[in-house]
Amino acid sequence: MLVIREEQMSALSQAMLKQFEDQMVVHLSSNFPDETREISEGELRALIQEGIEQAEQYQITLEDDVRRYLEFMVMYGHNFDTSPDTAWAGEFLHAKELDGTAKMDLIDERELEMVRGLV
């Protein structure tokens, strides 16, 4: 029987988190070149780490949902969850009755409506 000690589990989790962070550096730089052009890799990594922590506070923990949260941070600023300019996003994020995916789906829908000029 294989037994994984807590230290091993922690090391595995850290390795997976580092891999996700590496993927997000590439993803955000590639998909948001204008928004990330002036940001060093170290600053982008710090933003990603901050975003992961923020997302977790809103019960956003699935990788795809965290990726979307990070994309909004890059598009609207690292404080898009609390900024008066994006208060609509904060309302969705604070909705206790919604899970992380539902929150990000609502934010995506609202942002799409804004792009189309429907809001």
PDB file of N, CA and C in Angstrom:
ATOM      1  N   MET A   1       0.853  -1.186   0.000  1.00  0.00           N
ATOM      2  CA  MET A   1       0.000   0.000   0.000  1.00  0.00           C
ATOM      3  C   MET A   1       0.888   1.235   0.000  1.00  0.00           C
ATOM      4  N   LEU A   2       0.563   2.158  -0.877  1.00  0.00           N
ATOM      5  CA  LEU A   2       1.309   3.409  -0.980  1.00  0.00           C
ATOM      6  C   LEU A   2       0.785   4.401   0.043  1.00  0.00           C
ATOM      7  N   VAL A   3       1.703   4.981   0.814  1.00  0.00           N
ATOM      8  CA  VAL A   3       1.336   5.983   1.804  1.00  0.00           C
ATOM      9  C   VAL A   3       2.053   7.276   1.439  1.00  0.00           C
ATOM     10  N   ILE A   4       1.294   8.317   1.262  1.00  0.00           N
ATOM     11  CA  ILE A   4       1.879   9.623   0.940  1.00  0.00           C
ATOM     12  C   ILE A   4       1.836  10.469   2.205  1.00  0.00           C
ATOM     13  N   ARG A   5       3.016  10.841   2.654  1.00  0.00           N
ATOM     14  CA  ARG A   5       3.107  11.662   3.854  1.00  0.00           C
ATOM     15  C   ARG A   5       2.665  13.087   3.544  1.00  0.00           C
ATOM     16  N   GLU A   6       2.293  13.792   4.584  1.00  0.00           N
ATOM     17  CA  GLU A   6       1.824  15.171   4.443  1.00  0.00           C
ATOM     18  C   GLU A   6       2.870  16.046   3.757  1.00  0.00           C
ATOM     19  N   GLU A   7       4.150  15.848   4.081  1.00  0.00           N
ATOM     20  CA  GLU A   7       5.225  16.643   3.464  1.00  0.00           C
ATOM     21  C   GLU A   7       5.294  16.376   1.959  1.00  0.00           C
ATOM     22  N   GLN A   8       5.096  15.096   1.585  1.00  0.00           N
ATOM     23  CA  GLN A   8       5.124  14.750   0.173  1.00  0.00           C
ATOM     24  C   GLN A   8       3.940  15.371  -0.558  1.00  0.00           C
ATOM     25  N   MET A   9       2.781  15.341   0.067  1.00  0.00           N
ATOM     26  CA  MET A   9       1.583  15.932  -0.525  1.00  0.00           C
ATOM     27  C   MET A   9       1.772  17.435  -0.706  1.00  0.00           C
ATOM     28  N   SER A  10       2.359  18.067   0.281  1.00  0.00           N
ATOM     29  CA  SER A  10       2.619  19.500   0.195  1.00  0.00           C
ATOM     30  C   SER A  10       3.590  19.804  -0.950  1.00  0.00           C
ATOM     31  N   ALA A  11       4.638  19.005  -1.068  1.00  0.00           N
ATOM     32  CA  ALA A  11       5.607  19.202  -2.146  1.00  0.00           C
ATOM     33  C   ALA A  11       4.951  19.001  -3.500  1.00  0.00           C
ATOM     34  N   LEU A  12       4.083  18.010  -3.615  1.00  0.00           N
ATOM     35  CA  LEU A  12       3.364  17.756  -4.855  1.00  0.00           C
ATOM     36  C   LEU A  12       2.448  18.926  -5.195  1.00  0.00           C
ATOM     37  N   SER A  13       1.746  19.414  -4.198  1.00  0.00           N
ATOM     38  CA  SER A  13       0.851  20.557  -4.411  1.00  0.00           C
ATOM     39  C   SER A  13       1.639  21.783  -4.858  1.00  0.00           C
ATOM     40  N   GLN A  14       2.782  22.021  -4.249  1.00  0.00           N
ATOM     41  CA  GLN A  14       3.611  23.162  -4.617  1.00  0.00           C
ATOM     42  C   GLN A  14       4.116  23.020  -6.055  1.00  0.00           C
ATOM     43  N   ALA A  15       4.502  21.814  -6.447  1.00  0.00           N
ATOM     44  CA  ALA A  15       4.970  21.584  -7.812  1.00  0.00           C
ATOM     45  C   ALA A  15       3.850  21.831  -8.818  1.00  0.00           C
ATOM     46  N   MET A  16       2.636  21.399  -8.488  1.00  0.00           N
ATOM     47  CA  MET A  16       1.498  21.618  -9.382  1.00  0.00           C
ATOM     48  C   MET A  16       1.154  23.101  -9.470  1.00  0.00           C
ATOM     49  N   LEU A  17       1.240  23.795  -8.354  1.00  0.00           N
ATOM     50  CA  LEU A  17       0.972  25.226  -8.334  1.00  0.00           C
ATOM     51  C   LEU A  17       2.004  25.977  -9.172  1.00  0.00           C
ATOM     52  N   LYS A  18       3.264  25.587  -9.070  1.00  0.00           N
ATOM     53  CA  LYS A  18       4.336  26.211  -9.854  1.00  0.00           C
ATOM     54  C   LYS A  18       4.105  25.956 -11.338  1.00  0.00           C
ATOM     55  N   GLN A  19       3.685  24.760 -11.686  1.00  0.00           N
ATOM     56  CA  GLN A  19       3.405  24.436 -13.082  1.00  0.00           C
ATOM     57  C   GLN A  19       2.252  25.301 -13.612  1.00  0.00           C
ATOM     58  N   PHE A  20       1.202  25.467 -12.819  1.00  0.00           N
ATOM     59  CA  PHE A  20       0.072  26.313 -13.218  1.00  0.00           C
ATOM     60  C   PHE A  20       0.548  27.757 -13.387  1.00  0.00           C
ATOM     61  N   GLU A  21       1.358  28.231 -12.450  1.00  0.00           N
ATOM     62  CA  GLU A  21       1.886  29.591 -12.538  1.00  0.00           C
ATOM     63  C   GLU A  21       2.692  29.767 -13.828  1.00  0.00           C
ATOM     64  N   ASP A  22       3.557  28.802 -14.151  1.00  0.00           N
ATOM     65  CA  ASP A  22       4.339  28.862 -15.388  1.00  0.00           C
ATOM     66  C   ASP A  22       3.423  28.934 -16.612  1.00  0.00           C
ATOM     67  N   GLN A  23       2.369  28.115 -16.613  1.00  0.00           N
ATOM     68  CA  GLN A  23       1.425  28.117 -17.728  1.00  0.00           C
ATOM     69  C   GLN A  23       0.725  29.470 -17.841  1.00  0.00           C
ATOM     70  N   MET A  24       0.380  30.061 -16.715  1.00  0.00           N
ATOM     71  CA  MET A  24      -0.333  31.336 -16.735  1.00  0.00           C
ATOM     72  C   MET A  24       0.570  32.476 -17.204  1.00  0.00           C
ATOM     73  N   VAL A  25       1.851  32.431 -16.893  1.00  0.00           N
ATOM     74  CA  VAL A  25       2.783  33.449 -17.400  1.00  0.00           C
ATOM     75  C   VAL A  25       2.742  33.442 -18.922  1.00  0.00           C
ATOM     76  N   VAL A  26       2.843  32.264 -19.507  1.00  0.00           N
ATOM     77  CA  VAL A  26       2.820  32.134 -20.968  1.00  0.00           C
ATOM     78  C   VAL A  26       1.450  32.537 -21.512  1.00  0.00           C
ATOM     79  N   HIS A  27       0.393  32.032 -20.905  1.00  0.00           N
ATOM     80  CA  HIS A  27      -0.967  32.307 -21.382  1.00  0.00           C
ATOM     81  C   HIS A  27      -1.286  33.802 -21.352  1.00  0.00           C
ATOM     82  N   LEU A  28      -1.034  34.432 -20.222  1.00  0.00           N
ATOM     83  CA  LEU A  28      -1.381  35.849 -20.092  1.00  0.00           C
ATOM     84  C   LEU A  28      -0.512  36.719 -20.995  1.00  0.00           C
ATOM     85  N   SER A  29       0.762  36.399 -21.101  1.00  0.00           N
ATOM     86  CA  SER A  29       1.653  37.165 -21.974  1.00  0.00           C
ATOM     87  C   SER A  29       1.246  37.028 -23.437  1.00  0.00           C
ATOM     88  N   SER A  30       0.852  35.821 -23.832  1.00  0.00           N
ATOM     89  CA  SER A  30       0.476  35.561 -25.224  1.00  0.00           C
ATOM     90  C   SER A  30      -0.876  36.151 -25.584  1.00  0.00           C
ATOM     91  N   ASN A  31      -1.839  36.031 -24.680  1.00  0.00           N
ATOM     92  CA  ASN A  31      -3.205  36.444 -24.981  1.00  0.00           C
ATOM     93  C   ASN A  31      -3.517  37.890 -24.635  1.00  0.00           C
ATOM     94  N   PHE A  32      -2.680  38.504 -23.823  1.00  0.00           N
ATOM     95  CA  PHE A  32      -2.879  39.898 -23.423  1.00  0.00           C
ATOM     96  C   PHE A  32      -1.566  40.664 -23.560  1.00  0.00           C
ATOM     97  N   PRO A  33      -1.015  40.702 -24.784  1.00  0.00           N
ATOM     98  CA  PRO A  33       0.303  41.327 -24.965  1.00  0.00           C
ATOM     99  C   PRO A  33       0.327  42.815 -24.621  1.00  0.00           C
ATOM    100  N   ASP A  34      -0.730  43.536 -24.950  1.00  0.00           N
ATOM    101  CA  ASP A  34      -0.760  44.966 -24.631  1.00  0.00           C
ATOM    102  C   ASP A  34      -0.795  45.208 -23.132  1.00  0.00           C
ATOM    103  N   GLU A  35      -1.588  44.402 -22.432  1.00  0.00           N
ATOM    104  CA  GLU A  35      -1.752  44.582 -20.997  1.00  0.00           C
ATOM    105  C   GLU A  35      -0.532  44.128 -20.203  1.00  0.00           C
ATOM    106  N   THR A  36       0.250  43.201 -20.761  1.00  0.00           N
ATOM    107  CA  THR A  36       1.399  42.654 -20.027  1.00  0.00           C
ATOM    108  C   THR A  36       2.745  43.154 -20.538  1.00  0.00           C
ATOM    109  N   ARG A  37       2.741  43.949 -21.580  1.00  0.00           N
ATOM    110  CA  ARG A  37       3.985  44.413 -22.201  1.00  0.00           C
ATOM    111  C   ARG A  37       4.898  45.136 -21.213  1.00  0.00           C
ATOM    112  N   GLU A  38       4.337  45.944 -20.361  1.00  0.00           N
ATOM    113  CA  GLU A  38       5.120  46.757 -19.429  1.00  0.00           C
ATOM    114  C   GLU A  38       5.406  46.044 -18.107  1.00  0.00           C
ATOM    115  N   ILE A  39       4.968  44.798 -17.982  1.00  0.00           N
ATOM    116  CA  ILE A  39       5.111  44.055 -16.734  1.00  0.00           C
ATOM    117  C   ILE A  39       6.257  43.057 -16.875  1.00  0.00           C
ATOM    118  N   SER A  40       7.181  43.065 -15.934  1.00  0.00           N
ATOM    119  CA  SER A  40       8.264  42.076 -15.954  1.00  0.00           C
ATOM    120  C   SER A  40       7.693  40.703 -15.613  1.00  0.00           C
ATOM    121  N   GLU A  41       8.454  39.670 -15.910  1.00  0.00           N
ATOM    122  CA  GLU A  41       7.988  38.318 -15.582  1.00  0.00           C
ATOM    123  C   GLU A  41       7.791  38.169 -14.077  1.00  0.00           C
ATOM    124  N   GLY A  42       8.677  38.745 -13.297  1.00  0.00           N
ATOM    125  CA  GLY A  42       8.547  38.676 -11.840  1.00  0.00           C
ATOM    126  C   GLY A  42       7.276  39.349 -11.351  1.00  0.00           C
ATOM    127  N   GLU A  43       6.967  40.506 -11.935  1.00  0.00           N
ATOM    128  CA  GLU A  43       5.737  41.212 -11.560  1.00  0.00           C
ATOM    129  C   GLU A  43       4.503  40.425 -11.983  1.00  0.00           C
ATOM    130  N   LEU A  44       4.586  39.802 -13.159  1.00  0.00           N
ATOM    131  CA  LEU A  44       3.461  38.989 -13.637  1.00  0.00           C
ATOM    132  C   LEU A  44       3.265  37.776 -12.728  1.00  0.00           C
ATOM    133  N   ARG A  45       4.354  37.161 -12.307  1.00  0.00           N
ATOM    134  CA  ARG A  45       4.245  36.026 -11.383  1.00  0.00           C
ATOM    135  C   ARG A  45       3.626  36.466 -10.054  1.00  0.00           C
ATOM    136  N   ALA A  46       4.020  37.635  -9.572  1.00  0.00           N
ATOM    137  CA  ALA A  46       3.445  38.151  -8.324  1.00  0.00           C
ATOM    138  C   ALA A  46       1.949  38.403  -8.497  1.00  0.00           C
ATOM    139  N   LEU A  47       1.558  38.938  -9.646  1.00  0.00           N
ATOM    140  CA  LEU A  47       0.141  39.169  -9.928  1.00  0.00           C
ATOM    141  C   LEU A  47      -0.616  37.844  -9.965  1.00  0.00           C
ATOM    142  N   ILE A  48      -0.027  36.835 -10.579  1.00  0.00           N
ATOM    143  CA  ILE A  48      -0.662  35.515 -10.659  1.00  0.00           C
ATOM    144  C   ILE A  48      -0.828  34.929  -9.264  1.00  0.00           C
ATOM    145  N   GLN A  49       0.202  35.017  -8.448  1.00  0.00           N
ATOM    146  CA  GLN A  49       0.125  34.490  -7.086  1.00  0.00           C
ATOM    147  C   GLN A  49      -0.941  35.225  -6.280  1.00  0.00           C
ATOM    148  N   GLU A  50      -0.985  36.544  -6.420  1.00  0.00           N
ATOM    149  CA  GLU A  50      -2.013  37.342  -5.743  1.00  0.00           C
ATOM    150  C   GLU A  50      -3.404  36.931  -6.226  1.00  0.00           C
ATOM    151  N   GLY A  51      -3.536  36.743  -7.536  1.00  0.00           N
ATOM    152  CA  GLY A  51      -4.822  36.363  -8.108  1.00  0.00           C
ATOM    153  C   GLY A  51      -5.298  35.002  -7.645  1.00  0.00           C
ATOM    154  N   ILE A  52      -4.383  34.068  -7.527  1.00  0.00           N
ATOM    155  CA  ILE A  52      -4.752  32.734  -7.040  1.00  0.00           C
ATOM    156  C   ILE A  52      -5.291  32.837  -5.617  1.00  0.00           C
ATOM    157  N   GLU A  53      -4.627  33.637  -4.795  1.00  0.00           N
ATOM    158  CA  GLU A  53      -5.083  33.818  -3.411  1.00  0.00           C
ATOM    159  C   GLU A  53      -6.438  34.524  -3.360  1.00  0.00           C
ATOM    160  N   GLN A  54      -6.606  35.566  -4.179  1.00  0.00           N
ATOM    161  CA  GLN A  54      -7.886  36.269  -4.216  1.00  0.00           C
ATOM    162  C   GLN A  54      -9.002  35.329  -4.665  1.00  0.00           C
ATOM    163  N   ALA A  55      -8.748  34.594  -5.733  1.00  0.00           N
ATOM    164  CA  ALA A  55      -9.769  33.688  -6.276  1.00  0.00           C
ATOM    165  C   ALA A  55     -10.200  32.677  -5.217  1.00  0.00           C
ATOM    166  N   GLU A  56      -9.243  32.168  -4.476  1.00  0.00           N
ATOM    167  CA  GLU A  56      -9.563  31.181  -3.446  1.00  0.00           C
ATOM    168  C   GLU A  56     -10.490  31.776  -2.380  1.00  0.00           C
ATOM    169  N   GLN A  57     -10.321  33.053  -2.072  1.00  0.00           N
ATOM    170  CA  GLN A  57     -11.196  33.709  -1.097  1.00  0.00           C
ATOM    171  C   GLN A  57     -12.642  33.738  -1.577  1.00  0.00           C
ATOM    172  N   TYR A  58     -12.838  33.695  -2.880  1.00  0.00           N
ATOM    173  CA  TYR A  58     -14.183  33.692  -3.454  1.00  0.00           C
ATOM    174  C   TYR A  58     -14.650  32.285  -3.821  1.00  0.00           C
ATOM    175  N   GLN A  59     -13.972  31.273  -3.295  1.00  0.00           N
ATOM    176  CA  GLN A  59     -14.279  29.873  -3.576  1.00  0.00           C
ATOM    177  C   GLN A  59     -14.111  29.531  -5.058  1.00  0.00           C
ATOM    178  N   ILE A  60     -13.203  30.213  -5.713  1.00  0.00           N
ATOM    179  CA  ILE A  60     -12.859  29.927  -7.105  1.00  0.00           C
ATOM    180  C   ILE A  60     -11.572  29.126  -7.060  1.00  0.00           C
ATOM    181  N   THR A  61     -11.697  27.822  -7.291  1.00  0.00           N
ATOM    182  CA  THR A  61     -10.544  26.942  -7.103  1.00  0.00           C
ATOM    183  C   THR A  61     -10.248  26.036  -8.294  1.00  0.00           C
ATOM    184  N   LEU A  62     -11.202  25.849  -9.190  1.00  0.00           N
ATOM    185  CA  LEU A  62     -10.937  25.028 -10.367  1.00  0.00           C
ATOM    186  C   LEU A  62      -9.988  25.767 -11.304  1.00  0.00           C
ATOM    187  N   GLU A  63      -9.076  25.037 -11.907  1.00  0.00           N
ATOM    188  CA  GLU A  63      -8.020  25.643 -12.724  1.00  0.00           C
ATOM    189  C   GLU A  63      -8.573  26.577 -13.800  1.00  0.00           C
ATOM    190  N   ASP A  64      -9.585  26.142 -14.528  1.00  0.00           N
ATOM    191  CA  ASP A  64     -10.155  26.970 -15.599  1.00  0.00           C
ATOM    192  C   ASP A  64     -10.772  28.252 -15.040  1.00  0.00           C
ATOM    193  N   ASP A  65     -11.420  28.154 -13.894  1.00  0.00           N
ATOM    194  CA  ASP A  65     -12.034  29.333 -13.277  1.00  0.00           C
ATOM    195  C   ASP A  65     -10.968  30.301 -12.774  1.00  0.00           C
ATOM    196  N   VAL A  66      -9.896  29.772 -12.203  1.00  0.00           N
ATOM    197  CA  VAL A  66      -8.800  30.630 -11.735  1.00  0.00           C
ATOM    198  C   VAL A  66      -8.146  31.320 -12.921  1.00  0.00           C
ATOM    199  N   ARG A  67      -7.992  30.596 -14.031  1.00  0.00           N
ATOM    200  CA  ARG A  67      -7.442  31.207 -15.246  1.00  0.00           C
ATOM    201  C   ARG A  67      -8.303  32.388 -15.679  1.00  0.00           C
ATOM    202  N   ARG A  68      -9.620  32.196 -15.663  1.00  0.00           N
ATOM    203  CA  ARG A  68     -10.516  33.292 -16.057  1.00  0.00           C
ATOM    204  C   ARG A  68     -10.400  34.466 -15.078  1.00  0.00           C
ATOM    205  N   TYR A  69     -10.289  34.153 -13.795  1.00  0.00           N
ATOM    206  CA  TYR A  69     -10.128  35.215 -12.792  1.00  0.00           C
ATOM    207  C   TYR A  69      -8.853  36.008 -13.087  1.00  0.00           C
ATOM    208  N   LEU A  70      -7.766  35.315 -13.386  1.00  0.00           N
ATOM    209  CA  LEU A  70      -6.498  35.986 -13.697  1.00  0.00           C
ATOM    210  C   LEU A  70      -6.612  36.835 -14.961  1.00  0.00           C
ATOM    211  N   GLU A  71      -7.348  36.352 -15.940  1.00  0.00           N
ATOM    212  CA  GLU A  71      -7.547  37.134 -17.161  1.00  0.00           C
ATOM    213  C   GLU A  71      -8.257  38.456 -16.851  1.00  0.00           C
ATOM    214  N   PHE A  72      -9.254  38.401 -15.986  1.00  0.00           N
ATOM    215  CA  PHE A  72      -9.951  39.633 -15.613  1.00  0.00           C
ATOM    216  C   PHE A  72      -9.043  40.569 -14.829  1.00  0.00           C
ATOM    217  N   MET A  73      -8.162  40.009 -14.015  1.00  0.00           N
ATOM    218  CA  MET A  73      -7.199  40.853 -13.301  1.00  0.00           C
ATOM    219  C   MET A  73      -6.315  41.617 -14.291  1.00  0.00           C
ATOM    220  N   VAL A  74      -5.895  40.932 -15.342  1.00  0.00           N
ATOM    221  CA  VAL A  74      -5.042  41.565 -16.347  1.00  0.00           C
ATOM    222  C   VAL A  74      -5.835  42.600 -17.147  1.00  0.00           C
ATOM    223  N   MET A  75      -7.080  42.294 -17.479  1.00  0.00           N
ATOM    224  CA  MET A  75      -7.892  43.211 -18.286  1.00  0.00           C
ATOM    225  C   MET A  75      -8.341  44.440 -17.502  1.00  0.00           C
ATOM    226  N   TYR A  76      -8.761  44.231 -16.245  1.00  0.00           N
ATOM    227  CA  TYR A  76      -9.394  45.305 -15.486  1.00  0.00           C
ATOM    228  C   TYR A  76      -8.596  45.804 -14.285  1.00  0.00           C
ATOM    229  N   GLY A  77      -7.450  45.205 -14.033  1.00  0.00           N
ATOM    230  CA  GLY A  77      -6.623  45.633 -12.907  1.00  0.00           C
ATOM    231  C   GLY A  77      -6.653  44.624 -11.775  1.00  0.00           C
ATOM    232  N   HIS A  78      -5.583  44.605 -11.018  1.00  0.00           N
ATOM    233  CA  HIS A  78      -5.442  43.589  -9.969  1.00  0.00           C
ATOM    234  C   HIS A  78      -6.516  43.686  -8.898  1.00  0.00           C
ATOM    235  N   ASN A  79      -7.181  44.830  -8.814  1.00  0.00           N
ATOM    236  CA  ASN A  79      -8.232  45.008  -7.798  1.00  0.00           C
ATOM    237  C   ASN A  79      -9.625  45.056  -8.423  1.00  0.00           C
ATOM    238  N   PHE A  80      -9.784  44.373  -9.539  1.00  0.00           N
ATOM    239  CA  PHE A  80     -11.087  44.431 -10.213  1.00  0.00           C
ATOM    240  C   PHE A  80     -12.215  43.921  -9.317  1.00  0.00           C
ATOM    241  N   ASP A  81     -11.862  43.108  -8.322  1.00  0.00           N
ATOM    242  CA  ASP A  81     -12.890  42.554  -7.430  1.00  0.00           C
ATOM    243  C   ASP A  81     -13.432  43.587  -6.451  1.00  0.00           C
ATOM    244  N   THR A  82     -12.683  44.678  -6.235  1.00  0.00           N
ATOM    245  CA  THR A  82     -13.107  45.700  -5.268  1.00  0.00           C
ATOM    246  C   THR A  82     -13.209  47.097  -5.875  1.00  0.00           C
ATOM    247  N   SER A  83     -12.806  47.266  -7.105  1.00  0.00           N
ATOM    248  CA  SER A  83     -12.810  48.584  -7.747  1.00  0.00           C
ATOM    249  C   SER A  83     -14.231  49.071  -8.019  1.00  0.00           C
ATOM    250  N   PRO A  84     -14.497  50.352  -7.779  1.00  0.00           N
ATOM    251  CA  PRO A  84     -15.824  50.900  -8.107  1.00  0.00           C
ATOM    252  C   PRO A  84     -16.160  50.776  -9.605  1.00  0.00           C
ATOM    253  N   ASP A  85     -15.127  50.800 -10.450  1.00  0.00           N
ATOM    254  CA  ASP A  85     -15.356  50.692 -11.893  1.00  0.00           C
ATOM    255  C   ASP A  85     -15.870  49.322 -12.309  1.00  0.00           C
ATOM    256  N   THR A  86     -15.570  48.319 -11.514  1.00  0.00           N
ATOM    257  CA  THR A  86     -16.015  46.959 -11.823  1.00  0.00           C
ATOM    258  C   THR A  86     -16.798  46.375 -10.642  1.00  0.00           C
ATOM    259  N   ALA A  87     -17.595  47.221 -10.026  1.00  0.00           N
ATOM    260  CA  ALA A  87     -18.414  46.791  -8.875  1.00  0.00           C
ATOM    261  C   ALA A  87     -19.335  45.636  -9.258  1.00  0.00           C
ATOM    262  N   TRP A  88     -19.755  45.596 -10.511  1.00  0.00           N
ATOM    263  CA  TRP A  88     -20.616  44.515 -10.979  1.00  0.00           C
ATOM    264  C   TRP A  88     -19.938  43.156 -10.789  1.00  0.00           C
ATOM    265  N   ALA A  89     -18.627  43.088 -11.012  1.00  0.00           N
ATOM    266  CA  ALA A  89     -17.904  41.828 -10.827  1.00  0.00           C
ATOM    267  C   ALA A  89     -17.841  41.468  -9.351  1.00  0.00           C
ATOM    268  N   GLY A  90     -17.601  42.459  -8.512  1.00  0.00           N
ATOM    269  CA  GLY A  90     -17.556  42.228  -7.076  1.00  0.00           C
ATOM    270  C   GLY A  90     -18.858  41.669  -6.537  1.00  0.00           C
ATOM    271  N   GLU A  91     -19.967  42.135  -7.085  1.00  0.00           N
ATOM    272  CA  GLU A  91     -21.277  41.624  -6.653  1.00  0.00           C
ATOM    273  C   GLU A  91     -21.390  40.125  -6.927  1.00  0.00           C
ATOM    274  N   PHE A  92     -20.959  39.705  -8.104  1.00  0.00           N
ATOM    275  CA  PHE A  92     -21.006  38.277  -8.432  1.00  0.00           C
ATOM    276  C   PHE A  92     -20.052  37.487  -7.536  1.00  0.00           C
ATOM    277  N   LEU A  93     -18.858  38.023  -7.325  1.00  0.00           N
ATOM    278  CA  LEU A  93     -17.850  37.308  -6.539  1.00  0.00           C
ATOM    279  C   LEU A  93     -18.267  37.123  -5.085  1.00  0.00           C
ATOM    280  N   HIS A  94     -19.033  38.053  -4.553  1.00  0.00           N
ATOM    281  CA  HIS A  94     -19.467  37.974  -3.158  1.00  0.00           C
ATOM    282  C   HIS A  94     -20.750  37.159  -2.958  1.00  0.00           C
ATOM    283  N   ALA A  95     -21.343  36.676  -4.040  1.00  0.00           N
ATOM    284  CA  ALA A  95     -22.589  35.908  -3.940  1.00  0.00           C
ATOM    285  C   ALA A  95     -22.293  34.540  -3.319  1.00  0.00           C
ATOM    286  N   LYS A  96     -22.683  34.377  -2.080  1.00  0.00           N
ATOM    287  CA  LYS A  96     -22.391  33.147  -1.322  1.00  0.00           C
ATOM    288  C   LYS A  96     -23.112  31.917  -1.887  1.00  0.00           C
ATOM    289  N   GLU A  97     -24.239  32.142  -2.538  1.00  0.00           N
ATOM    290  CA  GLU A  97     -25.026  31.014  -3.036  1.00  0.00           C
ATOM    291  C   GLU A  97     -24.471  30.426  -4.334  1.00  0.00           C
ATOM    292  N   LEU A  98     -23.481  31.086  -4.939  1.00  0.00           N
ATOM    293  CA  LEU A  98     -22.911  30.617  -6.203  1.00  0.00           C
ATOM    294  C   LEU A  98     -21.574  29.927  -5.973  1.00  0.00           C
ATOM    295  N   ASP A  99     -21.307  28.892  -6.777  1.00  0.00           N
ATOM    296  CA  ASP A  99     -19.979  28.289  -6.708  1.00  0.00           C
ATOM    297  C   ASP A  99     -19.033  29.087  -7.616  1.00  0.00           C
ATOM    298  N   GLY A 100     -17.760  28.723  -7.600  1.00  0.00           N
ATOM    299  CA  GLY A 100     -16.756  29.470  -8.352  1.00  0.00           C
ATOM    300  C   GLY A 100     -17.024  29.521  -9.845  1.00  0.00           C
ATOM    301  N   THR A 101     -17.442  28.408 -10.404  1.00  0.00           N
ATOM    302  CA  THR A 101     -17.716  28.368 -11.842  1.00  0.00           C
ATOM    303  C   THR A 101     -18.891  29.272 -12.196  1.00  0.00           C
ATOM    304  N   ALA A 102     -19.939  29.244 -11.401  1.00  0.00           N
ATOM    305  CA  ALA A 102     -21.104  30.094 -11.667  1.00  0.00           C
ATOM    306  C   ALA A 102     -20.720  31.569 -11.576  1.00  0.00           C
ATOM    307  N   LYS A 103     -19.891  31.920 -10.617  1.00  0.00           N
ATOM    308  CA  LYS A 103     -19.438  33.308 -10.483  1.00  0.00           C
ATOM    309  C   LYS A 103     -18.683  33.753 -11.729  1.00  0.00           C
ATOM    310  N   MET A 104     -17.753  32.919 -12.178  1.00  0.00           N
ATOM    311  CA  MET A 104     -16.966  33.291 -13.347  1.00  0.00           C
ATOM    312  C   MET A 104     -17.814  33.287 -14.615  1.00  0.00           C
ATOM    313  N   ASP A 105     -18.787  32.395 -14.697  1.00  0.00           N
ATOM    314  CA  ASP A 105     -19.689  32.397 -15.853  1.00  0.00           C
ATOM    315  C   ASP A 105     -20.475  33.703 -15.920  1.00  0.00           C
ATOM    316  N   LEU A 106     -20.967  34.168 -14.787  1.00  0.00           N
ATOM    317  CA  LEU A 106     -21.719  35.426 -14.757  1.00  0.00           C
ATOM    318  C   LEU A 106     -20.837  36.613 -15.125  1.00  0.00           C
ATOM    319  N   ILE A 107     -19.606  36.606 -14.646  1.00  0.00           N
ATOM    320  CA  ILE A 107     -18.676  37.689 -14.987  1.00  0.00           C
ATOM    321  C   ILE A 107     -18.375  37.661 -16.481  1.00  0.00           C
ATOM    322  N   ASP A 108     -18.142  36.463 -17.031  1.00  0.00           N
ATOM    323  CA  ASP A 108     -17.913  36.336 -18.471  1.00  0.00           C
ATOM    324  C   ASP A 108     -19.101  36.865 -19.268  1.00  0.00           C
ATOM    325  N   GLU A 109     -20.310  36.470 -18.864  1.00  0.00           N
ATOM    326  CA  GLU A 109     -21.513  36.904 -19.578  1.00  0.00           C
ATOM    327  C   GLU A 109     -21.658  38.420 -19.540  1.00  0.00           C
ATOM    328  N   ARG A 110     -21.437  39.005 -18.382  1.00  0.00           N
ATOM    329  CA  ARG A 110     -21.572  40.460 -18.244  1.00  0.00           C
ATOM    330  C   ARG A 110     -20.520  41.188 -19.077  1.00  0.00           C
ATOM    331  N   GLU A 111     -19.306  40.678 -19.066  1.00  0.00           N
ATOM    332  CA  GLU A 111     -18.236  41.302 -19.832  1.00  0.00           C
ATOM    333  C   GLU A 111     -18.540  41.216 -21.326  1.00  0.00           C
ATOM    334  N   LEU A 112     -19.083  40.089 -21.773  1.00  0.00           N
ATOM    335  CA  LEU A 112     -19.462  39.936 -23.172  1.00  0.00           C
ATOM    336  C   LEU A 112     -20.572  40.910 -23.544  1.00  0.00           C
ATOM    337  N   GLU A 113     -21.535  41.095 -22.651  1.00  0.00           N
ATOM    338  CA  GLU A 113     -22.602  42.067 -22.894  1.00  0.00           C
ATOM    339  C   GLU A 113     -22.028  43.478 -23.006  1.00  0.00           C
ATOM    340  N   MET A 114     -21.037  43.788 -22.183  1.00  0.00           N
ATOM    341  CA  MET A 114     -20.415  45.108 -22.234  1.00  0.00           C
ATOM    342  C   MET A 114     -19.692  45.316 -23.556  1.00  0.00           C
ATOM    343  N   VAL A 115     -18.977  44.291 -24.025  1.00  0.00           N
ATOM    344  CA  VAL A 115     -18.258  44.371 -25.292  1.00  0.00           C
ATOM    345  C   VAL A 115     -19.239  44.583 -26.438  1.00  0.00           C
ATOM    346  N   ARG A 116     -20.375  43.913 -26.366  1.00  0.00           N
ATOM    347  CA  ARG A 116     -21.395  44.043 -27.419  1.00  0.00           C
ATOM    348  C   ARG A 116     -22.225  45.314 -27.276  1.00  0.00           C
ATOM    349  N   GLY A 117     -21.999  46.076 -26.206  1.00  0.00           N
ATOM    350  CA  GLY A 117     -22.729  47.297 -25.995  1.00  0.00           C
ATOM    351  C   GLY A 117     -24.139  47.106 -25.486  1.00  0.00           C
ATOM    352  N   LEU A 118     -24.409  45.947 -24.894  1.00  0.00           N
ATOM    353  CA  LEU A 118     -25.745  45.649 -24.394  1.00  0.00           C
ATOM    354  C   LEU A 118     -25.951  46.177 -22.968  1.00  0.00           C
ATOM    355  N   VAL A 119     -24.879  46.559 -22.304  1.00  0.00           N
ATOM    356  CA  VAL A 119     -24.981  47.049 -20.917  1.00  0.00           C
ATOM    357  C   VAL A 119     -24.496  48.481 -20.887  1.00  0.00           C
TER     358      VAL A 119
END
